[in-house]
């Protein structure tokens, strides 16, 4: 018996392209101050075995304990994402998952980014995770995620796009302002 369908249901994947080279996108994924600008405060250490903590700014959300599993500069970053919290209704929302970023250079010198968040244990966690990832990765991905969810879960997060993908704006606009 194969676990492939089950695994597919437990993962969220996004792909997009940026005008910036992989080196610049890598910095946006690994430099704590830059990660804070698009995701949340953290003490990221982009080395295998490096442990760090993401600190959500929303009240009621617990810290997220992370550990780097793979770090190949400008190519691959994979880390364990462990969060434990209880909803207002008392429901356990524990999540032990893996976040993977795969970067590859495009023919034009930009970056193709593939984000996979895997190990989503319960179906009800998935829409919230999709919305959070989409919000962090910018409006084009947010629209994509909302279109593909059976119901929309609103997340009162600040709408701070991290990078302008080609789908969002013409190539002459939308540079990484904070990852120079």
N, C-alpha and C. Protein backbone atom coordinates (compact mmCIF):
# COMPACT_ATOMS: atom_id res chain seq x y z
N UNK A 1 0.84 -1.18 0.00
CA UNK A 1 0.00 0.00 0.00
C UNK A 1 0.88 1.24 0.00
N UNK A 2 0.62 2.18 -0.88
CA UNK A 2 1.43 3.38 -1.01
C UNK A 2 0.87 4.52 -0.17
N UNK A 3 1.77 5.34 0.36
CA UNK A 3 1.37 6.52 1.12
C UNK A 3 1.34 7.77 0.24
N UNK A 4 1.57 7.63 -1.06
CA UNK A 4 1.65 8.79 -1.95
C UNK A 4 0.42 9.68 -1.89
N UNK A 5 -0.81 9.17 -2.04
CA UNK A 5 -1.96 10.06 -1.97
C UNK A 5 -2.08 10.73 -0.61
N UNK A 6 -1.79 9.98 0.43
CA UNK A 6 -1.87 10.55 1.77
C UNK A 6 -0.84 11.67 1.94
N UNK A 7 0.39 11.47 1.46
CA UNK A 7 1.42 12.49 1.54
C UNK A 7 1.04 13.72 0.73
N UNK A 8 0.44 13.51 -0.44
CA UNK A 8 0.05 14.64 -1.28
C UNK A 8 -0.98 15.50 -0.57
N UNK A 9 -1.88 14.87 0.17
CA UNK A 9 -2.89 15.62 0.92
C UNK A 9 -2.27 16.39 2.07
N UNK A 10 -1.11 15.98 2.52
CA UNK A 10 -0.48 16.58 3.68
C UNK A 10 0.58 17.61 3.32
N UNK A 11 0.65 18.03 2.08
CA UNK A 11 1.64 19.01 1.65
C UNK A 11 0.99 20.16 0.91
N UNK A 12 1.63 21.31 1.01
CA UNK A 12 1.22 22.48 0.26
C UNK A 12 2.44 22.92 -0.54
N UNK A 13 2.27 23.14 -1.84
CA UNK A 13 3.39 23.53 -2.70
C UNK A 13 3.04 24.81 -3.44
N UNK A 14 3.99 25.75 -3.48
CA UNK A 14 3.87 26.97 -4.26
C UNK A 14 5.12 27.12 -5.10
N UNK A 15 4.96 27.65 -6.30
CA UNK A 15 6.10 27.93 -7.16
C UNK A 15 5.92 29.30 -7.78
N UNK A 16 7.02 30.04 -7.90
CA UNK A 16 6.97 31.34 -8.57
C UNK A 16 8.38 31.71 -9.02
N UNK A 17 8.46 32.76 -9.81
CA UNK A 17 9.75 33.24 -10.29
C UNK A 17 9.94 34.69 -9.89
N UNK A 18 11.20 35.02 -9.61
CA UNK A 18 11.57 36.38 -9.24
C UNK A 18 12.68 36.85 -10.17
N UNK A 19 12.75 38.14 -10.37
CA UNK A 19 13.79 38.71 -11.22
C UNK A 19 15.17 38.63 -10.57
N UNK A 20 15.21 38.58 -9.25
CA UNK A 20 16.45 38.59 -8.51
C UNK A 20 17.17 37.24 -8.61
N UNK A 21 18.52 37.25 -8.55
CA UNK A 21 19.28 36.00 -8.64
C UNK A 21 19.12 35.16 -7.37
N UNK A 22 19.43 33.87 -7.44
CA UNK A 22 19.29 32.99 -6.28
C UNK A 22 20.03 33.48 -5.03
N UNK A 23 21.17 34.12 -5.19
CA UNK A 23 21.92 34.61 -4.04
C UNK A 23 21.10 35.60 -3.23
N UNK A 24 20.38 36.47 -3.91
CA UNK A 24 19.58 37.48 -3.23
C UNK A 24 18.34 36.85 -2.58
N UNK A 25 17.71 35.92 -3.26
CA UNK A 25 16.54 35.24 -2.69
C UNK A 25 16.98 34.40 -1.49
N UNK A 26 18.15 33.76 -1.58
CA UNK A 26 18.68 32.98 -0.46
C UNK A 26 18.81 33.86 0.78
N UNK A 27 19.33 35.07 0.60
CA UNK A 27 19.45 35.99 1.74
C UNK A 27 18.08 36.28 2.34
N UNK A 28 17.07 36.46 1.51
CA UNK A 28 15.72 36.74 2.00
C UNK A 28 15.17 35.58 2.81
N UNK A 29 15.69 34.38 2.58
CA UNK A 29 15.23 33.18 3.28
C UNK A 29 16.07 32.83 4.50
N UNK A 30 17.27 33.44 4.64
CA UNK A 30 18.19 32.98 5.68
C UNK A 30 18.73 34.06 6.61
N UNK A 31 18.63 35.32 6.26
CA UNK A 31 19.12 36.39 7.13
C UNK A 31 17.99 36.79 8.08
N UNK A 32 18.20 36.65 9.39
CA UNK A 32 17.11 36.87 10.35
C UNK A 32 16.33 38.17 10.15
N UNK A 33 17.02 39.27 9.93
CA UNK A 33 16.33 40.56 9.76
C UNK A 33 15.46 40.55 8.51
N UNK A 34 15.92 39.90 7.47
CA UNK A 34 15.16 39.85 6.22
C UNK A 34 13.97 38.90 6.35
N UNK A 35 14.16 37.77 7.02
CA UNK A 35 13.05 36.84 7.25
C UNK A 35 11.99 37.53 8.11
N UNK A 36 12.43 38.32 9.08
CA UNK A 36 11.48 39.06 9.93
C UNK A 36 10.63 40.02 9.12
N UNK A 37 11.20 40.57 8.06
CA UNK A 37 10.47 41.55 7.25
C UNK A 37 9.29 40.93 6.52
N UNK A 38 9.36 39.65 6.18
CA UNK A 38 8.26 39.04 5.42
C UNK A 38 7.54 37.93 6.16
N UNK A 39 8.11 37.43 7.25
CA UNK A 39 7.45 36.32 7.94
C UNK A 39 7.20 36.67 9.40
N UNK A 40 8.24 36.61 10.22
CA UNK A 40 8.10 36.94 11.64
C UNK A 40 9.48 37.03 12.27
N UNK A 41 9.58 37.68 13.44
CA UNK A 41 10.87 37.75 14.13
C UNK A 41 11.42 36.34 14.38
N UNK A 42 12.76 36.22 14.31
CA UNK A 42 13.40 34.92 14.42
C UNK A 42 14.87 35.08 14.75
N UNK A 43 15.51 34.00 15.07
CA UNK A 43 16.96 34.00 15.28
C UNK A 43 17.58 32.91 14.41
N UNK A 44 17.21 32.94 13.14
CA UNK A 44 17.62 31.95 12.12
C UNK A 44 19.12 31.73 12.12
N UNK A 45 19.50 30.46 12.01
CA UNK A 45 20.89 30.04 11.81
C UNK A 45 20.87 29.06 10.65
N UNK A 46 21.21 29.49 9.44
CA UNK A 46 21.09 28.64 8.25
C UNK A 46 22.22 27.63 8.08
N UNK A 47 22.43 26.80 9.10
CA UNK A 47 23.43 25.74 9.02
C UNK A 47 22.78 24.45 9.51
N UNK A 48 23.17 23.34 8.93
CA UNK A 48 22.57 22.06 9.30
C UNK A 48 22.71 21.85 10.81
N UNK A 49 21.59 21.51 11.43
CA UNK A 49 21.55 21.32 12.87
C UNK A 49 21.26 22.59 13.65
N UNK A 50 21.30 23.73 12.96
CA UNK A 50 21.04 25.01 13.62
C UNK A 50 19.60 25.08 14.10
N UNK A 51 19.43 25.42 15.36
CA UNK A 51 18.09 25.56 15.92
C UNK A 51 17.78 27.05 16.03
N UNK A 52 16.54 27.37 15.72
CA UNK A 52 16.12 28.76 15.84
C UNK A 52 14.63 28.81 16.16
N UNK A 53 14.18 29.98 16.54
CA UNK A 53 12.79 30.15 16.95
C UNK A 53 12.14 31.26 16.14
N UNK A 54 10.96 30.98 15.63
CA UNK A 54 10.12 31.98 15.00
C UNK A 54 9.16 32.47 16.08
N UNK A 55 8.96 33.79 16.15
CA UNK A 55 8.12 34.36 17.19
C UNK A 55 6.96 35.13 16.56
N UNK A 56 5.80 34.48 16.44
CA UNK A 56 4.64 35.15 15.85
C UNK A 56 4.30 36.42 16.60
N UNK A 57 3.89 37.44 15.85
CA UNK A 57 3.55 38.72 16.46
C UNK A 57 2.10 38.78 16.90
N UNK A 58 1.28 37.85 16.45
CA UNK A 58 -0.13 37.85 16.84
C UNK A 58 -0.30 37.29 18.23
N UNK A 59 -1.14 37.93 19.01
CA UNK A 59 -1.42 37.47 20.37
C UNK A 59 -2.02 36.07 20.33
N UNK A 60 -1.61 35.25 21.28
CA UNK A 60 -2.18 33.92 21.39
C UNK A 60 -1.47 32.86 20.59
N UNK A 61 -0.50 33.25 19.78
CA UNK A 61 0.24 32.25 19.01
C UNK A 61 1.55 31.96 19.72
N UNK A 62 1.86 30.69 19.87
CA UNK A 62 3.09 30.30 20.53
C UNK A 62 4.29 30.35 19.60
N UNK A 63 5.47 30.28 20.19
CA UNK A 63 6.70 30.25 19.40
C UNK A 63 6.74 29.00 18.53
N UNK A 64 7.50 29.10 17.45
CA UNK A 64 7.68 27.98 16.53
C UNK A 64 9.14 27.56 16.61
N UNK A 65 9.38 26.35 17.06
CA UNK A 65 10.73 25.82 17.17
C UNK A 65 11.14 25.21 15.84
N UNK A 66 12.28 25.63 15.33
CA UNK A 66 12.75 25.15 14.03
C UNK A 66 14.16 24.58 14.15
N UNK A 67 14.46 23.67 13.23
CA UNK A 67 15.81 23.11 13.14
C UNK A 67 16.14 22.90 11.67
N UNK A 68 17.29 23.41 11.25
CA UNK A 68 17.71 23.28 9.86
C UNK A 68 18.12 21.84 9.59
N UNK A 69 17.49 21.24 8.58
CA UNK A 69 17.78 19.86 8.18
C UNK A 69 18.75 19.82 7.01
N UNK A 70 18.60 20.77 6.08
CA UNK A 70 19.46 20.85 4.90
C UNK A 70 19.69 22.32 4.57
N UNK A 71 20.93 22.67 4.27
CA UNK A 71 21.24 24.04 3.86
C UNK A 71 22.32 23.98 2.79
N UNK A 72 21.92 24.17 1.55
CA UNK A 72 22.84 24.24 0.42
C UNK A 72 22.70 25.64 -0.14
N UNK A 73 23.61 26.56 0.23
CA UNK A 73 23.47 27.96 -0.15
C UNK A 73 23.07 28.17 -1.61
N UNK A 74 22.08 29.04 -1.76
CA UNK A 74 21.55 29.46 -3.06
C UNK A 74 20.79 28.36 -3.79
N UNK A 75 20.58 27.20 -3.15
CA UNK A 75 19.90 26.09 -3.81
C UNK A 75 18.76 25.47 -3.00
N UNK A 76 19.03 25.13 -1.74
CA UNK A 76 18.06 24.35 -0.97
C UNK A 76 18.14 24.69 0.52
N UNK A 77 16.97 24.95 1.10
CA UNK A 77 16.87 25.15 2.54
C UNK A 77 15.68 24.33 3.03
N UNK A 78 15.91 23.48 4.01
CA UNK A 78 14.84 22.65 4.56
C UNK A 78 14.96 22.70 6.08
N UNK A 79 13.82 23.00 6.73
CA UNK A 79 13.85 22.98 8.19
C UNK A 79 12.56 22.43 8.78
N UNK A 80 12.72 21.85 9.97
CA UNK A 80 11.58 21.34 10.73
C UNK A 80 10.89 22.53 11.36
N UNK A 81 9.57 22.50 11.36
CA UNK A 81 8.72 23.59 11.87
C UNK A 81 7.80 22.97 12.91
N UNK A 82 8.03 23.28 14.16
CA UNK A 82 7.22 22.69 15.25
C UNK A 82 6.53 23.80 16.02
N UNK A 83 5.22 23.76 15.99
CA UNK A 83 4.46 24.72 16.77
C UNK A 83 3.40 23.99 17.57
N UNK A 84 3.12 24.52 18.73
CA UNK A 84 2.08 23.94 19.58
C UNK A 84 1.26 25.08 20.14
N UNK A 85 -0.01 25.02 19.92
CA UNK A 85 -0.90 26.04 20.46
C UNK A 85 -2.30 25.47 20.58
N UNK A 86 -3.09 26.15 21.35
CA UNK A 86 -4.48 25.76 21.54
C UNK A 86 -5.35 26.91 21.07
N UNK A 87 -6.34 26.61 20.25
CA UNK A 87 -7.28 27.63 19.78
C UNK A 87 -8.14 28.16 20.92
N UNK A 88 -8.83 29.25 20.62
CA UNK A 88 -9.75 29.83 21.61
C UNK A 88 -10.80 28.81 22.05
N UNK A 89 -11.18 27.93 21.14
CA UNK A 89 -12.19 26.92 21.49
C UNK A 89 -11.58 25.71 22.20
N UNK A 90 -10.28 25.79 22.52
CA UNK A 90 -9.63 24.71 23.25
C UNK A 90 -9.11 23.59 22.39
N UNK A 91 -9.24 23.72 21.07
CA UNK A 91 -8.79 22.66 20.16
C UNK A 91 -7.27 22.74 19.97
N UNK A 92 -6.63 21.61 20.06
CA UNK A 92 -5.18 21.51 19.90
C UNK A 92 -4.80 21.72 18.44
N UNK A 93 -3.87 22.62 18.17
CA UNK A 93 -3.39 22.89 16.81
C UNK A 93 -1.90 22.59 16.69
N UNK A 94 -1.45 21.55 17.35
CA UNK A 94 -0.04 21.18 17.29
C UNK A 94 0.34 20.85 15.85
N UNK A 95 1.49 21.31 15.44
CA UNK A 95 1.94 21.07 14.08
C UNK A 95 3.43 20.73 14.10
N UNK A 96 3.79 19.60 13.55
CA UNK A 96 5.19 19.19 13.41
C UNK A 96 5.36 18.89 11.93
N UNK A 97 6.01 19.80 11.22
CA UNK A 97 6.07 19.71 9.77
C UNK A 97 7.46 20.08 9.27
N UNK A 98 7.62 20.08 7.95
CA UNK A 98 8.89 20.43 7.32
C UNK A 98 8.61 21.46 6.23
N UNK A 99 9.42 22.52 6.22
CA UNK A 99 9.33 23.56 5.20
C UNK A 99 10.57 23.44 4.32
N UNK A 100 10.36 23.38 3.00
CA UNK A 100 11.46 23.24 2.05
C UNK A 100 11.38 24.35 1.01
N UNK A 101 12.50 25.03 0.80
CA UNK A 101 12.63 26.03 -0.25
C UNK A 101 13.66 25.51 -1.25
N UNK A 102 13.28 25.40 -2.51
CA UNK A 102 14.20 24.98 -3.57
C UNK A 102 14.35 26.15 -4.52
N UNK A 103 15.58 26.60 -4.73
CA UNK A 103 15.87 27.72 -5.61
C UNK A 103 16.64 27.22 -6.82
N UNK A 104 16.27 27.71 -7.99
CA UNK A 104 17.04 27.40 -9.20
C UNK A 104 17.07 28.65 -10.07
N UNK A 105 18.19 28.81 -10.75
CA UNK A 105 18.35 29.99 -11.60
C UNK A 105 17.55 29.83 -12.88
N UNK A 106 16.89 30.90 -13.28
CA UNK A 106 16.14 30.90 -14.53
C UNK A 106 17.08 31.28 -15.67
N UNK A 107 16.72 31.01 -16.92
CA UNK A 107 17.57 31.39 -18.05
C UNK A 107 17.88 32.89 -18.08
N UNK A 108 16.98 33.71 -17.55
CA UNK A 108 17.18 35.16 -17.54
C UNK A 108 18.00 35.63 -16.35
N UNK A 109 18.45 34.70 -15.50
CA UNK A 109 19.27 35.08 -14.35
C UNK A 109 18.47 35.34 -13.08
N UNK A 110 17.17 35.14 -13.13
CA UNK A 110 16.32 35.29 -11.95
C UNK A 110 16.29 34.00 -11.16
N UNK A 111 15.26 33.85 -10.34
CA UNK A 111 15.15 32.67 -9.49
C UNK A 111 13.78 32.04 -9.60
N UNK A 112 13.77 30.73 -9.78
CA UNK A 112 12.54 29.95 -9.66
C UNK A 112 12.54 29.43 -8.22
N UNK A 113 11.49 29.75 -7.47
CA UNK A 113 11.38 29.32 -6.08
C UNK A 113 10.24 28.33 -5.93
N UNK A 114 10.55 27.23 -5.30
CA UNK A 114 9.53 26.22 -4.99
C UNK A 114 9.50 26.06 -3.48
N UNK A 115 8.33 26.27 -2.89
CA UNK A 115 8.12 26.13 -1.46
C UNK A 115 7.21 24.95 -1.22
N UNK A 116 7.64 24.03 -0.38
CA UNK A 116 6.81 22.88 -0.02
C UNK A 116 6.72 22.84 1.50
N UNK A 117 5.50 22.89 2.02
CA UNK A 117 5.28 22.72 3.46
C UNK A 117 4.61 21.36 3.62
N UNK A 118 5.34 20.40 4.16
CA UNK A 118 4.85 19.03 4.23
C UNK A 118 4.68 18.58 5.68
N UNK A 119 3.95 17.48 5.84
CA UNK A 119 3.73 16.93 7.16
C UNK A 119 2.57 17.56 7.88
N UNK A 120 1.62 18.07 7.13
CA UNK A 120 0.44 18.69 7.73
C UNK A 120 -0.47 17.57 8.21
N UNK A 121 -0.57 17.42 9.50
CA UNK A 121 -1.22 16.26 10.10
C UNK A 121 -2.73 16.21 9.89
N UNK A 122 -3.39 17.34 10.08
CA UNK A 122 -4.84 17.33 10.00
C UNK A 122 -5.32 18.21 8.87
N UNK A 123 -6.38 17.79 8.25
CA UNK A 123 -6.94 18.53 7.12
C UNK A 123 -7.32 19.95 7.52
N UNK A 124 -7.84 20.15 8.73
CA UNK A 124 -8.27 21.49 9.11
C UNK A 124 -7.10 22.44 9.30
N UNK A 125 -5.88 21.93 9.46
CA UNK A 125 -4.72 22.81 9.57
C UNK A 125 -4.32 23.36 8.21
N UNK A 126 -4.58 22.61 7.19
CA UNK A 126 -4.08 22.93 5.87
C UNK A 126 -4.53 24.30 5.34
N UNK A 127 -5.82 24.66 5.36
CA UNK A 127 -6.20 25.96 4.83
C UNK A 127 -5.52 27.11 5.56
N UNK A 128 -5.37 27.01 6.87
CA UNK A 128 -4.71 28.07 7.61
C UNK A 128 -3.25 28.18 7.18
N UNK A 129 -2.61 27.05 6.98
CA UNK A 129 -1.22 27.06 6.56
C UNK A 129 -1.10 27.61 5.14
N UNK A 130 -2.00 27.23 4.27
CA UNK A 130 -1.98 27.75 2.90
C UNK A 130 -2.12 29.26 2.93
N UNK A 131 -3.05 29.76 3.69
CA UNK A 131 -3.27 31.21 3.76
C UNK A 131 -2.03 31.92 4.30
N UNK A 132 -1.43 31.37 5.34
CA UNK A 132 -0.25 32.00 5.93
C UNK A 132 0.91 32.00 4.94
N UNK A 133 1.16 30.88 4.28
CA UNK A 133 2.25 30.82 3.30
C UNK A 133 1.99 31.78 2.14
N UNK A 134 0.75 31.77 1.66
CA UNK A 134 0.41 32.64 0.54
C UNK A 134 0.57 34.10 0.92
N UNK A 135 0.14 34.47 2.11
CA UNK A 135 0.27 35.86 2.55
C UNK A 135 1.74 36.24 2.60
N UNK A 136 2.57 35.36 3.11
CA UNK A 136 3.99 35.65 3.22
C UNK A 136 4.67 35.76 1.87
N UNK A 137 4.21 35.00 0.90
CA UNK A 137 4.86 35.00 -0.41
C UNK A 137 4.28 36.01 -1.38
N UNK A 138 3.31 36.79 -0.97
CA UNK A 138 2.82 37.86 -1.82
C UNK A 138 1.46 37.61 -2.42
N UNK A 139 0.90 38.66 -2.96
CA UNK A 139 -0.46 38.64 -3.46
C UNK A 139 -0.73 37.61 -4.56
N UNK A 140 0.12 37.41 -5.54
CA UNK A 140 -0.21 36.43 -6.58
C UNK A 140 -0.45 35.04 -6.00
N UNK A 141 0.37 34.65 -5.05
CA UNK A 141 0.20 33.33 -4.46
C UNK A 141 -1.01 33.32 -3.54
N UNK A 142 -1.30 34.43 -2.90
CA UNK A 142 -2.47 34.50 -2.04
C UNK A 142 -3.73 34.27 -2.86
N UNK A 143 -3.81 34.94 -4.01
CA UNK A 143 -4.99 34.75 -4.87
C UNK A 143 -5.09 33.30 -5.32
N UNK A 144 -3.96 32.70 -5.66
CA UNK A 144 -3.94 31.30 -6.08
C UNK A 144 -4.46 30.40 -4.95
N UNK A 145 -3.98 30.61 -3.74
CA UNK A 145 -4.39 29.77 -2.61
C UNK A 145 -5.86 29.93 -2.31
N UNK A 146 -6.35 31.14 -2.35
CA UNK A 146 -7.76 31.38 -2.04
C UNK A 146 -8.64 30.71 -3.09
N UNK A 147 -8.25 30.80 -4.37
CA UNK A 147 -9.02 30.17 -5.44
C UNK A 147 -9.11 28.67 -5.27
N UNK A 148 -8.07 28.07 -4.71
CA UNK A 148 -8.00 26.62 -4.63
C UNK A 148 -8.42 26.05 -3.28
N UNK A 149 -8.93 26.87 -2.41
CA UNK A 149 -9.43 26.37 -1.13
C UNK A 149 -10.94 26.27 -1.18
N UNK A 150 -11.48 25.25 -0.56
CA UNK A 150 -12.93 25.08 -0.55
C UNK A 150 -13.60 26.15 0.30
N UNK A 151 -12.89 26.63 1.29
CA UNK A 151 -13.41 27.75 2.06
C UNK A 151 -12.24 28.63 2.46
N UNK A 152 -12.49 29.90 2.53
CA UNK A 152 -11.41 30.83 2.83
C UNK A 152 -11.35 31.11 4.33
N UNK A 153 -10.17 30.99 4.86
CA UNK A 153 -9.94 31.33 6.26
C UNK A 153 -9.21 32.66 6.25
N UNK A 154 -9.82 33.68 6.84
CA UNK A 154 -9.14 34.97 6.83
C UNK A 154 -8.08 34.97 7.92
N UNK A 155 -6.96 35.55 7.59
CA UNK A 155 -5.88 35.68 8.55
C UNK A 155 -5.58 37.15 8.70
N UNK A 156 -5.70 37.67 9.87
CA UNK A 156 -5.48 39.09 10.09
C UNK A 156 -3.99 39.34 10.21
N UNK A 157 -3.30 39.13 9.13
CA UNK A 157 -1.86 39.36 9.08
C UNK A 157 -1.61 40.61 8.26
N UNK A 158 -0.51 41.25 8.53
CA UNK A 158 -0.22 42.44 7.73
C UNK A 158 0.18 41.98 6.34
N UNK A 159 -0.33 42.67 5.35
CA UNK A 159 -0.09 42.30 3.96
C UNK A 159 1.23 42.83 3.46
N UNK A 160 2.31 42.16 3.80
CA UNK A 160 3.64 42.62 3.46
C UNK A 160 4.26 41.66 2.46
N UNK A 161 4.10 41.91 1.16
CA UNK A 161 4.68 40.99 0.18
C UNK A 161 6.20 40.98 0.28
N UNK A 162 6.79 39.81 0.12
CA UNK A 162 8.23 39.72 0.28
C UNK A 162 8.98 40.07 -0.99
N UNK A 163 8.46 39.67 -2.11
CA UNK A 163 9.13 39.91 -3.37
C UNK A 163 8.05 40.05 -4.43
N UNK A 164 8.37 40.75 -5.47
CA UNK A 164 7.40 40.88 -6.55
C UNK A 164 7.70 39.81 -7.58
N UNK A 165 6.79 38.89 -7.75
CA UNK A 165 7.00 37.86 -8.75
C UNK A 165 6.61 38.41 -10.11
N UNK A 166 7.06 37.77 -11.16
CA UNK A 166 6.73 38.23 -12.50
C UNK A 166 5.23 38.22 -12.74
N UNK A 167 4.53 37.32 -12.07
CA UNK A 167 3.08 37.27 -12.23
C UNK A 167 2.41 38.49 -11.61
N UNK A 168 3.09 39.12 -10.66
CA UNK A 168 2.48 40.24 -9.93
C UNK A 168 2.70 41.57 -10.64
N UNK A 169 3.90 41.80 -11.17
CA UNK A 169 4.24 43.10 -11.74
C UNK A 169 5.14 42.90 -12.96
N UNK A 170 5.21 43.92 -13.79
CA UNK A 170 6.15 43.83 -14.92
C UNK A 170 7.58 43.66 -14.40
N UNK A 171 8.42 43.06 -15.21
CA UNK A 171 9.79 42.77 -14.80
C UNK A 171 10.58 44.01 -14.44
N UNK A 172 10.20 45.18 -14.95
CA UNK A 172 10.95 46.41 -14.65
C UNK A 172 10.65 46.94 -13.26
N UNK A 173 9.62 46.42 -12.61
CA UNK A 173 9.28 46.84 -11.26
C UNK A 173 9.56 45.71 -10.29
N UNK A 174 9.30 45.97 -9.03
CA UNK A 174 9.29 44.92 -8.03
C UNK A 174 10.63 44.28 -7.73
N UNK A 175 11.58 45.06 -7.33
CA UNK A 175 12.87 44.51 -6.91
C UNK A 175 12.82 44.17 -5.43
N UNK A 176 13.71 43.32 -5.00
CA UNK A 176 13.81 43.03 -3.57
C UNK A 176 14.40 44.27 -2.91
N UNK A 177 13.59 45.01 -2.22
CA UNK A 177 14.05 46.26 -1.63
C UNK A 177 14.91 46.03 -0.39
N UNK A 178 14.68 44.94 0.32
CA UNK A 178 15.33 44.75 1.60
C UNK A 178 16.39 43.66 1.58
N UNK A 179 16.68 43.10 0.44
CA UNK A 179 17.67 42.02 0.39
C UNK A 179 18.83 42.37 -0.52
N UNK A 180 19.15 43.63 -0.58
CA UNK A 180 20.21 44.09 -1.49
C UNK A 180 21.56 43.55 -1.08
